[in-house]
Amino acid sequence: MDSTTQQRIDDLIATSPVYVFMKGNKLMPQCGFSNNVVQILTALAVPFETFDVLSDPEIRQGIKEYSDWPTIPQVYVKGEFLGGSDILIEMYNSGELREKLEVALAS
């Protein structure tokens, strides 16, 4: 990944405490995994921003290198990579996600 793409990703993540790289957007997810993430964050009433990786091939590939994670969606909390759909589902079901988000958003 070139430094321009890395800087663009850094800048995007910095715009919101909770940021999601996904297929589609929070109003119209374009895959089931992205929809899962949107539903979880909405259920927790967490404000979040999204980037549609389908709109930009450089970001779509770059975000996988940035996080060293091969799949999309990808969720970042306060700049830290949290995980994708499966990880969020597990964390949501255990209650860990609510706790982590409350702590992150309070600081």
C-alpha atoms as a PDB file:
ATOM      1  CA  MET A   1       0.000   0.000   0.000  1.00  0.00           C
ATOM      2  CA  ASP A   2       1.352   3.413  -0.878  1.00  0.00           C
ATOM      3  CA  SER A   3       1.664   6.209   1.658  1.00  0.00           C
ATOM      4  CA  THR A   4      -1.185   8.210   0.086  1.00  0.00           C
ATOM      5  CA  THR A   5      -3.662   5.361   0.607  1.00  0.00           C
ATOM      6  CA  GLN A   6      -2.394   4.807   4.139  1.00  0.00           C
ATOM      7  CA  GLN A   7      -2.844   8.504   4.923  1.00  0.00           C
ATOM      8  CA  ARG A   8      -6.375   8.472   3.473  1.00  0.00           C
ATOM      9  CA  ILE A   9      -7.260   5.503   5.715  1.00  0.00           C
ATOM     10  CA  ASP A  10      -5.717   7.222   8.756  1.00  0.00           C
ATOM     11  CA  ASP A  11      -7.728  10.358   7.986  1.00  0.00           C
ATOM     12  CA  LEU A  12     -10.989   8.438   7.548  1.00  0.00           C
ATOM     13  CA  ILE A  13     -10.583   6.517  10.806  1.00  0.00           C
ATOM     14  CA  ALA A  14      -9.831   9.778  12.634  1.00  0.00           C
ATOM     15  CA  THR A  15     -13.190  11.300  11.640  1.00  0.00           C
ATOM     16  CA  SER A  16     -15.238   9.208  14.083  1.00  0.00           C
ATOM     17  CA  PRO A  17     -14.656   7.250  17.313  1.00  0.00           C
ATOM     18  CA  VAL A  18     -16.339   4.254  15.648  1.00  0.00           C
ATOM     19  CA  TYR A  19     -15.567   3.778  11.964  1.00  0.00           C
ATOM     20  CA  VAL A  20     -16.609   0.918   9.691  1.00  0.00           C
ATOM     21  CA  PHE A  21     -15.147  -0.024   6.322  1.00  0.00           C
ATOM     22  CA  MET A  22     -17.922  -1.997   4.657  1.00  0.00           C
ATOM     23  CA  LYS A  23     -19.688  -2.870   1.437  1.00  0.00           C
ATOM     24  CA  GLY A  24     -22.382  -0.248   1.044  1.00  0.00           C
ATOM     25  CA  ASN A  25     -23.217   2.199   3.816  1.00  0.00           C
ATOM     26  CA  LYS A  26     -25.152   2.183   7.065  1.00  0.00           C
ATOM     27  CA  LEU A  27     -28.391   3.052   5.282  1.00  0.00           C
ATOM     28  CA  MET A  28     -27.922   0.419   2.594  1.00  0.00           C
ATOM     29  CA  PRO A  29     -25.438  -2.367   3.400  1.00  0.00           C
ATOM     30  CA  GLN A  30     -24.450  -4.352   0.313  1.00  0.00           C
ATOM     31  CA  CYS A  31     -23.650  -7.674   1.990  1.00  0.00           C
ATOM     32  CA  GLY A  32     -24.901  -9.697   4.928  1.00  0.00           C
ATOM     33  CA  PHE A  33     -21.711  -9.329   6.950  1.00  0.00           C
ATOM     34  CA  SER A  34     -21.783  -5.543   6.618  1.00  0.00           C
ATOM     35  CA  ASN A  35     -25.463  -5.587   7.529  1.00  0.00           C
ATOM     36  CA  ASN A  36     -24.666  -7.602  10.696  1.00  0.00           C
ATOM     37  CA  VAL A  37     -22.216  -4.933  11.841  1.00  0.00           C
ATOM     38  CA  VAL A  38     -24.675  -2.109  11.124  1.00  0.00           C
ATOM     39  CA  GLN A  39     -27.445  -3.924  13.024  1.00  0.00           C
ATOM     40  CA  ILE A  40     -25.217  -4.531  16.050  1.00  0.00           C
ATOM     41  CA  LEU A  41     -23.964  -0.952  16.269  1.00  0.00           C
ATOM     42  CA  THR A  42     -27.484   0.379  15.734  1.00  0.00           C
ATOM     43  CA  ALA A  43     -28.860  -1.925  18.450  1.00  0.00           C
ATOM     44  CA  LEU A  44     -26.245  -0.527  20.840  1.00  0.00           C
ATOM     45  CA  ALA A  45     -27.196   3.037  19.802  1.00  0.00           C
ATOM     46  CA  VAL A  46     -23.567   3.779  18.959  1.00  0.00           C
ATOM     47  CA  PRO A  47     -22.873   6.648  16.555  1.00  0.00           C
ATOM     48  CA  PHE A  48     -20.591   5.497  13.758  1.00  0.00           C
ATOM     49  CA  GLU A  49     -19.400   6.461  10.301  1.00  0.00           C
ATOM     50  CA  THR A  50     -18.863   4.202   7.317  1.00  0.00           C
ATOM     51  CA  PHE A  51     -16.866   4.026   4.114  1.00  0.00           C
ATOM     52  CA  ASP A  52     -18.144   2.044   1.132  1.00  0.00           C
ATOM     53  CA  VAL A  53     -15.145   0.046  -0.080  1.00  0.00           C
ATOM     54  CA  LEU A  54     -17.019  -0.794  -3.286  1.00  0.00           C
ATOM     55  CA  SER A  55     -16.610   2.860  -4.283  1.00  0.00           C
ATOM     56  CA  ASP A  56     -12.802   2.849  -4.093  1.00  0.00           C
ATOM     57  CA  PRO A  57     -10.594  -0.119  -5.100  1.00  0.00           C
ATOM     58  CA  GLU A  58      -7.482   1.418  -3.484  1.00  0.00           C
ATOM     59  CA  ILE A  59      -9.162   1.684  -0.083  1.00  0.00           C
ATOM     60  CA  ARG A  60     -10.801  -1.727  -0.532  1.00  0.00           C
ATOM     61  CA  GLN A  61      -7.410  -3.385  -0.951  1.00  0.00           C
ATOM     62  CA  GLY A  62      -5.500  -0.974   1.271  1.00  0.00           C
ATOM     63  CA  ILE A  63      -7.668  -1.531   4.346  1.00  0.00           C
ATOM     64  CA  LYS A  64      -6.874  -5.251   4.237  1.00  0.00           C
ATOM     65  CA  GLU A  65      -3.156  -4.462   4.341  1.00  0.00           C
ATOM     66  CA  TYR A  66      -3.637  -1.701   6.912  1.00  0.00           C
ATOM     67  CA  SER A  67      -5.224  -4.062   9.436  1.00  0.00           C
ATOM     68  CA  ASP A  68      -3.572  -7.260   8.238  1.00  0.00           C
ATOM     69  CA  TRP A  69      -7.125  -8.665   8.109  1.00  0.00           C
ATOM     70  CA  PRO A  70      -8.345 -10.252   4.855  1.00  0.00           C
ATOM     71  CA  THR A  71     -12.079  -9.549   5.001  1.00  0.00           C
ATOM     72  CA  ILE A  72     -14.559  -6.702   5.036  1.00  0.00           C
ATOM     73  CA  PRO A  73     -16.296  -5.257   7.027  1.00  0.00           C
ATOM     74  CA  GLN A  74     -13.711  -3.908   9.415  1.00  0.00           C
ATOM     75  CA  VAL A  75     -14.573  -1.978  12.554  1.00  0.00           C
ATOM     76  CA  TYR A  76     -12.258   0.554  14.219  1.00  0.00           C
ATOM     77  CA  VAL A  77     -12.818   2.002  17.683  1.00  0.00           C
ATOM     78  CA  LYS A  78     -10.756   5.065  18.598  1.00  0.00           C
ATOM     79  CA  GLY A  79      -8.367   4.195  15.766  1.00  0.00           C
ATOM     80  CA  GLU A  80      -7.859   0.596  16.905  1.00  0.00           C
ATOM     81  CA  PHE A  81      -8.901  -2.307  14.687  1.00  0.00           C
ATOM     82  CA  LEU A  82     -11.551  -4.277  16.551  1.00  0.00           C
ATOM     83  CA  GLY A  83     -12.520  -6.940  14.026  1.00  0.00           C
ATOM     84  CA  GLY A  84     -15.073  -7.963  11.468  1.00  0.00           C
ATOM     85  CA  SER A  85     -18.586  -9.333  11.511  1.00  0.00           C
ATOM     86  CA  ASP A  86     -17.908 -12.615  13.326  1.00  0.00           C
ATOM     87  CA  ILE A  87     -15.827 -10.965  16.043  1.00  0.00           C
ATOM     88  CA  LEU A  88     -18.460  -8.260  16.590  1.00  0.00           C
ATOM     89  CA  ILE A  89     -21.207 -10.889  16.853  1.00  0.00           C
ATOM     90  CA  GLU A  90     -19.196 -12.807  19.482  1.00  0.00           C
ATOM     91  CA  MET A  91     -18.390  -9.642  21.433  1.00  0.00           C
ATOM     92  CA  TYR A  92     -22.005  -8.463  21.238  1.00  0.00           C
ATOM     93  CA  ASN A  93     -23.385 -11.785  22.484  1.00  0.00           C
ATOM     94  CA  SER A  94     -20.951 -11.880  25.409  1.00  0.00           C
ATOM     95  CA  GLY A  95     -21.566  -8.255  26.398  1.00  0.00           C
ATOM     96  CA  GLU A  96     -17.923  -7.391  25.816  1.00  0.00           C
ATOM     97  CA  LEU A  97     -18.696  -5.102  22.870  1.00  0.00           C
ATOM     98  CA  ARG A  98     -21.059  -2.872  24.866  1.00  0.00           C
ATOM     99  CA  GLU A  99     -18.460  -2.520  27.623  1.00  0.00           C
ATOM    100  CA  LYS A 100     -15.625  -1.766  25.213  1.00  0.00           C
ATOM    101  CA  LEU A 101     -17.666   0.834  23.339  1.00  0.00           C
ATOM    102  CA  GLU A 102     -18.895   2.510  26.538  1.00  0.00           C
ATOM    103  CA  VAL A 103     -15.328   2.846  27.804  1.00  0.00           C
ATOM    104  CA  ALA A 104     -13.998   4.074  24.448  1.00  0.00           C
ATOM    105  CA  LEU A 105     -16.763   6.594  23.898  1.00  0.00           C
ATOM    106  CA  ALA A 106     -16.566   7.924  27.459  1.00  0.00           C
ATOM    107  CA  SER A 107     -12.898   8.826  27.158  1.00  0.00           C
END
